[in-house]
Amino acid sequence: LSVEENKKSWEQLFYADRIAGQNAYKKGIFTARPNEAGNHIEAFVIEVSNKTSLKAGRPTPKRGKKKTG
């Protein structure tokens, strides 16, 4: 990638991060175990990322069935 393409990618990542965090804050993340918060915020990150030229989704393990958050 060129310097400009890298810069654009970073800007999109920072945008997606900021908006996902704001959306998660507005809706709230409630979990009994703090380490599960990442599972809950994943949906916010995927949603915002897919609204940019970034594409995100859930990982597919070897069994082929997509994991859920």
C-alpha atoms as a PDB file:
ATOM      1  CA  LEU A   1       0.000   0.000   0.000  1.00  0.00           C
ATOM      2  CA  SER A   2       1.094   3.539  -0.621  1.00  0.00           C
ATOM      3  CA  VAL A   3       1.586   6.043   2.168  1.00  0.00           C
ATOM      4  CA  GLU A   4      -1.734   7.684   1.266  1.00  0.00           C
ATOM      5  CA  GLU A   5      -3.570   4.337   1.289  1.00  0.00           C
ATOM      6  CA  ASN A   6      -2.063   3.503   4.685  1.00  0.00           C
ATOM      7  CA  LYS A   7      -3.072   6.916   6.011  1.00  0.00           C
ATOM      8  CA  LYS A   8      -6.644   6.428   4.770  1.00  0.00           C
ATOM      9  CA  SER A   9      -6.802   2.969   6.387  1.00  0.00           C
ATOM     10  CA  TRP A  10      -5.598   4.370   9.716  1.00  0.00           C
ATOM     11  CA  GLU A  11      -8.137   7.179   9.557  1.00  0.00           C
ATOM     12  CA  GLN A  12     -10.917   4.666   8.923  1.00  0.00           C
ATOM     13  CA  LEU A  13      -9.722   2.486  11.812  1.00  0.00           C
ATOM     14  CA  PHE A  14      -9.650   5.449  14.199  1.00  0.00           C
ATOM     15  CA  TYR A  15     -13.100   6.542  13.009  1.00  0.00           C
ATOM     16  CA  ALA A  16     -14.564   3.059  13.454  1.00  0.00           C
ATOM     17  CA  ASP A  17     -12.953   2.754  16.886  1.00  0.00           C
ATOM     18  CA  ARG A  18     -14.307   6.107  18.055  1.00  0.00           C
ATOM     19  CA  ILE A  19     -17.850   5.569  16.761  1.00  0.00           C
ATOM     20  CA  ALA A  20     -18.030   1.968  18.005  1.00  0.00           C
ATOM     21  CA  GLY A  21     -16.935   3.142  21.451  1.00  0.00           C
ATOM     22  CA  GLN A  22     -19.516   5.920  21.473  1.00  0.00           C
ATOM     23  CA  ASN A  23     -22.287   3.540  20.376  1.00  0.00           C
ATOM     24  CA  ALA A  24     -21.307   0.974  22.997  1.00  0.00           C
ATOM     25  CA  TYR A  25     -21.270   3.698  25.658  1.00  0.00           C
ATOM     26  CA  LYS A  26     -24.756   4.892  24.659  1.00  0.00           C
ATOM     27  CA  LYS A  27     -26.264   1.411  24.638  1.00  0.00           C
ATOM     28  CA  GLY A  28     -24.196   0.074  27.523  1.00  0.00           C
ATOM     29  CA  ILE A  29     -22.334  -3.171  27.954  1.00  0.00           C
ATOM     30  CA  PHE A  30     -23.492  -5.282  30.849  1.00  0.00           C
ATOM     31  CA  THR A  31     -21.709  -8.467  31.784  1.00  0.00           C
ATOM     32  CA  ALA A  32     -20.961 -10.378  34.958  1.00  0.00           C
ATOM     33  CA  ARG A  33     -17.330 -10.865  33.922  1.00  0.00           C
ATOM     34  CA  PRO A  34     -15.280  -7.860  32.761  1.00  0.00           C
ATOM     35  CA  ASN A  35     -13.220  -9.955  30.343  1.00  0.00           C
ATOM     36  CA  GLU A  36     -16.427 -10.678  28.363  1.00  0.00           C
ATOM     37  CA  ALA A  37     -16.828  -6.992  27.438  1.00  0.00           C
ATOM     38  CA  GLY A  38     -14.764  -7.603  24.292  1.00  0.00           C
ATOM     39  CA  ASN A  39     -17.302 -10.131  23.089  1.00  0.00           C
ATOM     40  CA  HIS A  40     -20.060  -7.550  23.467  1.00  0.00           C
ATOM     41  CA  ILE A  41     -18.236  -4.658  21.814  1.00  0.00           C
ATOM     42  CA  GLU A  42     -17.355  -6.808  18.801  1.00  0.00           C
ATOM     43  CA  ALA A  43     -20.809  -6.232  17.274  1.00  0.00           C
ATOM     44  CA  PHE A  44     -20.376  -2.455  17.512  1.00  0.00           C
ATOM     45  CA  VAL A  45     -16.965  -2.616  15.822  1.00  0.00           C
ATOM     46  CA  ILE A  46     -18.234  -4.865  13.022  1.00  0.00           C
ATOM     47  CA  GLU A  47     -21.252  -2.635  12.375  1.00  0.00           C
ATOM     48  CA  VAL A  48     -19.243   0.588  12.111  1.00  0.00           C
ATOM     49  CA  SER A  49     -16.364  -1.007  10.178  1.00  0.00           C
ATOM     50  CA  ASN A  50     -18.740  -2.285   7.530  1.00  0.00           C
ATOM     51  CA  LYS A  51     -20.054   1.259   7.031  1.00  0.00           C
ATOM     52  CA  THR A  52     -16.577   2.307   5.876  1.00  0.00           C
ATOM     53  CA  SER A  53     -14.467   0.627   3.214  1.00  0.00           C
ATOM     54  CA  LEU A  54     -13.204  -1.635   6.008  1.00  0.00           C
ATOM     55  CA  LYS A  55     -14.897  -5.002   6.107  1.00  0.00           C
ATOM     56  CA  ALA A  56     -15.257  -6.956   9.313  1.00  0.00           C
ATOM     57  CA  GLY A  57     -16.971 -10.126  10.421  1.00  0.00           C
ATOM     58  CA  ARG A  58     -16.844 -12.902  12.940  1.00  0.00           C
ATOM     59  CA  PRO A  59     -13.996 -15.417  12.644  1.00  0.00           C
ATOM     60  CA  THR A  60     -14.648 -18.811  11.094  1.00  0.00           C
ATOM     61  CA  PRO A  61     -12.883 -21.635  12.935  1.00  0.00           C
ATOM     62  CA  LYS A  62     -11.729 -24.871  11.289  1.00  0.00           C
ATOM     63  CA  ARG A  63     -15.147 -26.439  11.865  1.00  0.00           C
ATOM     64  CA  GLY A  64     -16.571 -23.841   9.470  1.00  0.00           C
ATOM     65  CA  LYS A  65     -19.290 -22.539  11.778  1.00  0.00           C
ATOM     66  CA  LYS A  66     -19.029 -18.811  12.483  1.00  0.00           C
ATOM     67  CA  LYS A  67     -18.606 -17.856  16.117  1.00  0.00           C
ATOM     68  CA  THR A  68     -21.088 -15.573  17.805  1.00  0.00           C
ATOM     69  CA  GLY A  69     -20.300 -12.830  20.243  1.00  0.00           C
END
